[in-house]
Amino acid sequence: MLNAAITIRSTWKNYAGLKIHARGEKLIIPANLEPVAARLFRSELRVGTGTNDINAVKEMEQSFKGGYMVYDYLTSSFAWFVLTNIPGLVFFQRKPFETDMSVEFSTDNLLVKGYQRYVPTYYDWRHLWGTYPAN
């Protein structure tokens, strides 16, 4: 995870090949990794050691200001993602949610329907960086 933040910050370039100001802002993890993220983000000292080393994740001022978010719908138990400061995910609402009701004549049942149209998409892949775990 630390390598991801450093890689994003130091090596990402724009389409012209120029270095950009990209920073990892939030870690998105599956539920299985929540205890690990809690140890990394909330402990003052280095996790799992008897030494008084600093917790490097907590000390990185430029990265992970948003902390972490557990997303229950990730299909892999080991994959994690980093949201960056570069805008890129887009949600176009083509038609807002609307409902309509009517009463069925023969049974007096209330019929309700809802309708909406939207397009979730992206325009910059650098908004979200993910891992590809072996397991």
Protein backbone atom coordinates (compact mmCIF):
# COMPACT_ATOMS: atom_id res chain seq x y z
CA MET A 1 0.00 0.00 0.00
CA LEU A 2 2.82 2.42 0.78
CA ASN A 3 4.46 1.53 -2.51
CA ALA A 4 1.21 2.38 -4.29
CA ALA A 5 1.12 5.84 -2.75
CA ILE A 6 4.75 6.47 -3.63
CA THR A 7 4.32 5.12 -7.17
CA ILE A 8 1.28 7.31 -7.79
CA ARG A 9 3.03 10.38 -6.43
CA SER A 10 6.37 9.94 -8.17
CA THR A 11 5.82 8.25 -11.54
CA TRP A 12 2.42 9.18 -12.97
CA LYS A 13 2.45 11.34 -16.07
CA ASN A 14 -0.17 13.01 -18.25
CA TYR A 15 -0.79 12.21 -21.92
CA ALA A 16 2.08 14.53 -22.93
CA GLY A 17 4.51 12.62 -20.73
CA LEU A 18 4.81 15.36 -18.10
CA LYS A 19 4.73 14.55 -14.40
CA ILE A 20 1.39 15.35 -12.74
CA HIS A 21 0.38 16.18 -9.18
CA ALA A 22 -1.32 12.87 -8.38
CA ARG A 23 -1.92 11.79 -4.79
CA GLY A 24 -3.70 8.80 -3.30
CA GLU A 25 -6.59 10.09 -1.23
CA LYS A 26 -8.58 7.10 0.00
CA LEU A 27 -8.02 3.37 0.29
CA ILE A 28 -10.91 1.10 -0.76
CA ILE A 29 -10.74 -2.39 0.68
CA PRO A 30 -12.88 -5.54 0.97
CA ALA A 31 -14.29 -6.52 4.37
CA ASN A 32 -11.55 -9.13 4.92
CA LEU A 33 -8.86 -6.43 4.99
CA GLU A 34 -10.61 -4.15 7.48
CA PRO A 35 -8.57 -5.31 10.52
CA VAL A 36 -5.33 -4.71 8.60
CA ALA A 37 -6.43 -1.22 7.52
CA ALA A 38 -7.52 -0.35 11.05
CA ARG A 39 -4.09 -1.32 12.39
CA LEU A 40 -2.32 0.68 9.69
CA PHE A 41 -4.41 3.83 9.94
CA ARG A 42 -5.10 4.04 13.67
CA SER A 43 -1.95 2.86 15.45
CA GLU A 44 0.67 5.40 16.46
CA LEU A 45 3.69 3.11 16.12
CA ARG A 46 4.74 0.48 13.61
CA VAL A 47 2.36 -2.47 13.57
CA GLY A 48 3.53 -5.94 14.66
CA THR A 49 6.96 -4.97 15.98
CA GLY A 50 8.43 -4.34 19.40
CA THR A 51 10.40 -1.32 18.23
CA ASN A 52 9.26 2.27 18.46
CA ASP A 53 9.40 2.95 14.73
CA ILE A 54 6.86 5.43 13.43
CA ASN A 55 3.81 4.27 11.52
CA ALA A 56 4.75 5.35 7.99
CA VAL A 57 1.16 5.25 6.72
CA LYS A 58 0.06 7.68 9.39
CA GLU A 59 3.04 9.97 8.85
CA MET A 60 2.58 10.43 5.08
CA GLU A 61 0.95 13.86 4.98
CA GLN A 62 0.33 13.94 1.24
CA SER A 63 -1.41 10.57 0.93
CA PHE A 64 -4.55 8.90 2.25
CA LYS A 65 -6.11 11.99 3.81
CA GLY A 66 -9.51 10.35 3.35
CA GLY A 67 -8.49 7.25 5.30
CA TYR A 68 -10.04 4.02 4.13
CA MET A 69 -13.47 2.75 3.13
CA VAL A 70 -14.74 -0.82 3.41
CA TYR A 71 -16.70 -1.75 0.29
CA ASP A 72 -18.71 -4.94 0.80
CA TYR A 73 -19.32 -5.59 -2.89
CA LEU A 74 -15.72 -6.24 -3.95
CA THR A 75 -15.50 -9.79 -5.30
CA SER A 76 -11.87 -10.43 -4.34
CA SER A 77 -10.90 -10.81 -0.69
CA PHE A 78 -7.38 -9.55 -1.35
CA ALA A 79 -7.67 -6.79 -3.97
CA TRP A 80 -7.59 -3.18 -2.80
CA PHE A 81 -7.86 0.13 -4.60
CA VAL A 82 -6.65 3.70 -4.16
CA LEU A 83 -8.81 6.68 -5.12
CA THR A 84 -6.65 9.57 -6.31
CA ASN A 85 -7.17 13.32 -6.49
CA ILE A 86 -7.55 13.20 -10.27
CA PRO A 87 -11.23 13.40 -11.26
CA GLY A 88 -12.32 10.57 -13.49
CA LEU A 89 -15.46 8.69 -12.45
CA VAL A 90 -18.63 10.19 -13.89
CA PHE A 91 -22.32 9.56 -13.29
CA PHE A 92 -24.66 10.98 -15.94
CA GLN A 93 -28.29 11.03 -14.88
CA ARG A 94 -30.15 11.04 -18.17
CA LYS A 95 -33.63 10.87 -16.69
CA PRO A 96 -34.23 11.32 -12.94
CA PHE A 97 -36.13 8.72 -10.97
CA GLU A 98 -39.88 9.09 -11.41
CA THR A 99 -42.81 7.02 -10.23
CA ASP A 100 -46.34 6.52 -11.47
CA MET A 101 -49.32 4.88 -9.78
CA SER A 102 -52.67 3.57 -10.86
CA VAL A 103 -55.40 1.38 -9.40
CA GLU A 104 -56.20 -1.85 -11.21
CA PHE A 105 -59.89 -1.79 -12.09
CA SER A 106 -60.83 -5.42 -11.42
CA THR A 107 -58.96 -6.02 -8.13
CA ASP A 108 -58.41 -2.53 -6.67
CA ASN A 109 -54.70 -3.30 -6.33
CA LEU A 110 -52.42 -0.30 -6.36
CA LEU A 111 -49.89 -0.59 -9.20
CA VAL A 112 -46.67 1.38 -8.80
CA LYS A 113 -43.83 1.66 -11.28
CA GLY A 114 -40.54 3.50 -11.24
CA TYR A 115 -38.25 4.54 -14.08
CA GLN A 116 -34.87 6.19 -14.48
CA ARG A 117 -31.99 6.28 -16.94
CA TYR A 118 -28.33 6.82 -16.06
CA VAL A 119 -24.84 6.07 -17.32
CA PRO A 120 -21.94 5.40 -14.94
CA THR A 121 -18.65 5.77 -16.79
CA TYR A 122 -15.16 7.24 -16.54
CA TYR A 123 -12.98 9.63 -18.49
CA ASP A 124 -9.60 9.29 -16.76
CA TRP A 125 -8.21 5.94 -15.66
CA ARG A 126 -5.88 7.61 -13.17
CA HIS A 127 -8.75 8.29 -10.76
CA LEU A 128 -8.65 4.72 -9.44
CA TRP A 129 -5.57 2.53 -9.03
CA GLY A 130 -5.96 -1.13 -8.13
CA THR A 131 -3.94 -4.18 -7.24
CA TYR A 132 -3.97 -7.51 -8.97
CA PRO A 133 -3.45 -10.06 -6.17
CA ALA A 134 -2.30 -13.62 -6.80
CA ASN A 135 -4.95 -15.16 -4.50
